[in-house]
């Protein structure tokens, strides 16, 4: 059970790191309004990731400017 808890904790830490990286990239998109980066971001997210709708909307908004 201890090993399972350790693996769960490790997975949570990795997910937190990934979320932080995605947030940083979204901030870069907002600051630079770079369409290519926005589209790259959308393509890098798994379909079931909670940030996907936000990033898709952001990319669409940047694309329309």
N, C-alpha and C. Protein backbone atom coordinates (compact mmCIF):
# COMPACT_ATOMS: atom_id res chain seq x y z
N UNK A 1 0.82 -1.20 0.00
CA UNK A 1 0.00 0.00 0.00
C UNK A 1 0.87 1.27 0.00
N UNK A 2 1.99 1.19 0.71
CA UNK A 2 2.89 2.34 0.77
C UNK A 2 3.46 2.66 -0.61
N UNK A 3 3.80 1.60 -1.36
CA UNK A 3 4.33 1.81 -2.71
C UNK A 3 3.27 2.45 -3.60
N UNK A 4 2.03 2.01 -3.48
CA UNK A 4 0.94 2.59 -4.27
C UNK A 4 0.77 4.07 -3.92
N UNK A 5 0.80 4.39 -2.65
CA UNK A 5 0.68 5.80 -2.24
C UNK A 5 1.83 6.63 -2.79
N UNK A 6 3.02 6.05 -2.81
CA UNK A 6 4.18 6.73 -3.35
C UNK A 6 4.01 6.99 -4.85
N UNK A 7 3.51 6.00 -5.57
CA UNK A 7 3.29 6.16 -7.01
C UNK A 7 2.22 7.21 -7.29
N UNK A 8 1.16 7.21 -6.50
CA UNK A 8 0.10 8.21 -6.67
C UNK A 8 0.66 9.61 -6.42
N UNK A 9 1.46 9.74 -5.38
CA UNK A 9 2.07 11.03 -5.07
C UNK A 9 2.99 11.48 -6.20
N UNK A 10 3.76 10.55 -6.73
CA UNK A 10 4.66 10.87 -7.84
C UNK A 10 3.86 11.32 -9.06
N UNK A 11 2.77 10.63 -9.37
CA UNK A 11 1.92 10.99 -10.50
C UNK A 11 1.33 12.38 -10.30
N UNK A 12 0.88 12.67 -9.10
CA UNK A 12 0.32 13.99 -8.81
C UNK A 12 1.37 15.08 -9.00
N UNK A 13 2.59 14.81 -8.58
CA UNK A 13 3.67 15.79 -8.75
C UNK A 13 3.97 16.04 -10.22
N UNK A 14 4.01 14.97 -11.01
CA UNK A 14 4.26 15.11 -12.45
C UNK A 14 3.14 15.90 -13.10
N UNK A 15 1.88 15.61 -12.72
CA UNK A 15 0.75 16.34 -13.30
C UNK A 15 0.82 17.82 -12.93
N UNK A 16 1.21 18.12 -11.70
CA UNK A 16 1.34 19.51 -11.27
C UNK A 16 2.41 20.22 -12.10
N UNK A 17 3.53 19.55 -12.33
CA UNK A 17 4.59 20.14 -13.15
C UNK A 17 4.10 20.41 -14.57
N UNK A 18 3.37 19.46 -15.14
CA UNK A 18 2.83 19.65 -16.49
C UNK A 18 1.85 20.81 -16.52
N UNK A 19 0.97 20.87 -15.52
CA UNK A 19 0.01 21.96 -15.46
C UNK A 19 0.73 23.31 -15.37
N UNK A 20 1.78 23.37 -14.57
CA UNK A 20 2.55 24.61 -14.43
C UNK A 20 3.18 25.01 -15.76
N UNK A 21 3.71 24.03 -16.50
CA UNK A 21 4.31 24.33 -17.80
C UNK A 21 3.25 24.85 -18.77
N UNK A 22 2.07 24.25 -18.75
CA UNK A 22 0.99 24.68 -19.64
C UNK A 22 0.57 26.10 -19.29
N UNK A 23 0.45 26.39 -18.00
CA UNK A 23 0.08 27.74 -17.57
C UNK A 23 1.12 28.75 -18.04
N UNK A 24 2.39 28.42 -17.92
CA UNK A 24 3.45 29.32 -18.38
C UNK A 24 3.33 29.59 -19.88
N UNK A 25 3.05 28.55 -20.65
CA UNK A 25 2.92 28.72 -22.10
C UNK A 25 1.69 29.55 -22.44
N UNK A 26 0.59 29.36 -21.72
CA UNK A 26 -0.61 30.17 -21.95
C UNK A 26 -0.29 31.64 -21.69
N UNK A 27 0.45 31.90 -20.62
CA UNK A 27 0.86 33.27 -20.33
C UNK A 27 1.70 33.83 -21.47
N UNK A 28 2.61 33.02 -22.01
CA UNK A 28 3.42 33.45 -23.16
C UNK A 28 2.54 33.80 -24.35
N UNK A 29 1.51 32.99 -24.59
CA UNK A 29 0.60 33.25 -25.70
C UNK A 29 -0.10 34.57 -25.49
N UNK A 30 -0.58 34.80 -24.29
CA UNK A 30 -1.29 36.04 -24.00
C UNK A 30 -0.36 37.24 -24.20
N UNK A 31 0.86 37.11 -23.73
CA UNK A 31 1.81 38.23 -23.81
C UNK A 31 2.28 38.49 -25.23
N UNK A 32 2.50 37.46 -26.00
CA UNK A 32 3.07 37.65 -27.34
C UNK A 32 2.03 37.64 -28.44
N UNK A 33 0.85 37.11 -28.14
CA UNK A 33 -0.21 36.97 -29.15
C UNK A 33 0.30 36.24 -30.39
N UNK A 34 1.12 35.25 -30.15
CA UNK A 34 1.72 34.50 -31.24
C UNK A 34 0.82 33.33 -31.62
N UNK A 35 0.26 33.39 -32.81
CA UNK A 35 -0.69 32.38 -33.26
C UNK A 35 -0.06 31.00 -33.32
N UNK A 36 1.15 30.90 -33.82
CA UNK A 36 1.79 29.59 -33.96
C UNK A 36 1.95 28.88 -32.64
N UNK A 37 2.33 29.61 -31.61
CA UNK A 37 2.49 29.01 -30.29
C UNK A 37 1.15 28.57 -29.74
N UNK A 38 0.11 29.36 -29.96
CA UNK A 38 -1.22 28.98 -29.49
C UNK A 38 -1.67 27.68 -30.13
N UNK A 39 -1.45 27.56 -31.42
CA UNK A 39 -1.86 26.33 -32.11
C UNK A 39 -1.01 25.15 -31.68
N UNK A 40 0.26 25.38 -31.43
CA UNK A 40 1.14 24.32 -30.94
C UNK A 40 0.69 23.84 -29.56
N UNK A 41 0.30 24.78 -28.73
CA UNK A 41 -0.19 24.45 -27.39
C UNK A 41 -1.43 23.57 -27.47
N UNK A 42 -2.37 23.94 -28.32
CA UNK A 42 -3.60 23.17 -28.46
C UNK A 42 -3.28 21.75 -28.89
N UNK A 43 -2.36 21.60 -29.82
CA UNK A 43 -2.00 20.28 -30.31
C UNK A 43 -1.27 19.43 -29.29
N UNK A 44 -0.67 20.05 -28.29
CA UNK A 44 0.11 19.29 -27.32
C UNK A 44 -0.70 18.79 -26.13
N UNK A 45 -1.92 19.26 -26.00
CA UNK A 45 -2.74 18.85 -24.86
C UNK A 45 -3.55 17.60 -25.19
N UNK A 46 -3.65 16.67 -24.24
CA UNK A 46 -4.55 15.54 -24.45
C UNK A 46 -6.00 16.03 -24.48
N UNK A 47 -6.84 15.36 -25.23
CA UNK A 47 -8.22 15.79 -25.40
C UNK A 47 -8.97 15.92 -24.07
N UNK A 48 -8.63 15.09 -23.10
CA UNK A 48 -9.36 15.11 -21.84
C UNK A 48 -8.72 16.01 -20.79
N UNK A 49 -7.72 16.80 -21.16
CA UNK A 49 -7.05 17.67 -20.19
C UNK A 49 -7.99 18.82 -19.83
N UNK A 50 -8.05 19.20 -18.56
CA UNK A 50 -8.99 20.25 -18.15
C UNK A 50 -8.72 21.62 -18.77
N UNK A 51 -7.49 21.89 -19.23
CA UNK A 51 -7.18 23.19 -19.82
C UNK A 51 -7.50 23.26 -21.31
N UNK A 52 -7.81 22.13 -21.94
CA UNK A 52 -8.01 22.11 -23.39
C UNK A 52 -9.04 23.13 -23.86
N UNK A 53 -10.25 23.19 -23.28
CA UNK A 53 -11.22 24.18 -23.78
C UNK A 53 -10.72 25.62 -23.66
N UNK A 54 -10.03 25.92 -22.57
CA UNK A 54 -9.50 27.26 -22.37
C UNK A 54 -8.45 27.59 -23.43
N UNK A 55 -7.54 26.66 -23.66
CA UNK A 55 -6.47 26.91 -24.62
C UNK A 55 -7.02 26.99 -26.04
N UNK A 56 -7.99 26.17 -26.38
CA UNK A 56 -8.62 26.23 -27.70
C UNK A 56 -9.28 27.60 -27.90
N UNK A 57 -10.02 28.06 -26.88
CA UNK A 57 -10.67 29.36 -26.97
C UNK A 57 -9.64 30.48 -27.10
N UNK A 58 -8.56 30.36 -26.36
CA UNK A 58 -7.49 31.36 -26.42
C UNK A 58 -6.84 31.38 -27.81
N UNK A 59 -6.55 30.21 -28.35
CA UNK A 59 -5.95 30.12 -29.68
C UNK A 59 -6.88 30.72 -30.73
N UNK A 60 -8.18 30.44 -30.60
CA UNK A 60 -9.16 30.98 -31.54
C UNK A 60 -9.19 32.50 -31.47
N UNK A 61 -9.17 33.03 -30.25
CA UNK A 61 -9.20 34.49 -30.07
C UNK A 61 -7.95 35.13 -30.67
N UNK A 62 -6.80 34.53 -30.42
CA UNK A 62 -5.55 35.07 -30.97
C UNK A 62 -5.56 34.98 -32.49
N UNK A 63 -6.08 33.89 -33.03
CA UNK A 63 -6.13 33.69 -34.47
C UNK A 63 -7.00 34.75 -35.15
N UNK A 64 -8.02 35.22 -34.46
CA UNK A 64 -8.94 36.20 -35.04
C UNK A 64 -8.43 37.63 -34.94
N UNK A 65 -7.31 37.86 -34.27
CA UNK A 65 -6.79 39.23 -34.14
C UNK A 65 -5.88 39.58 -35.27
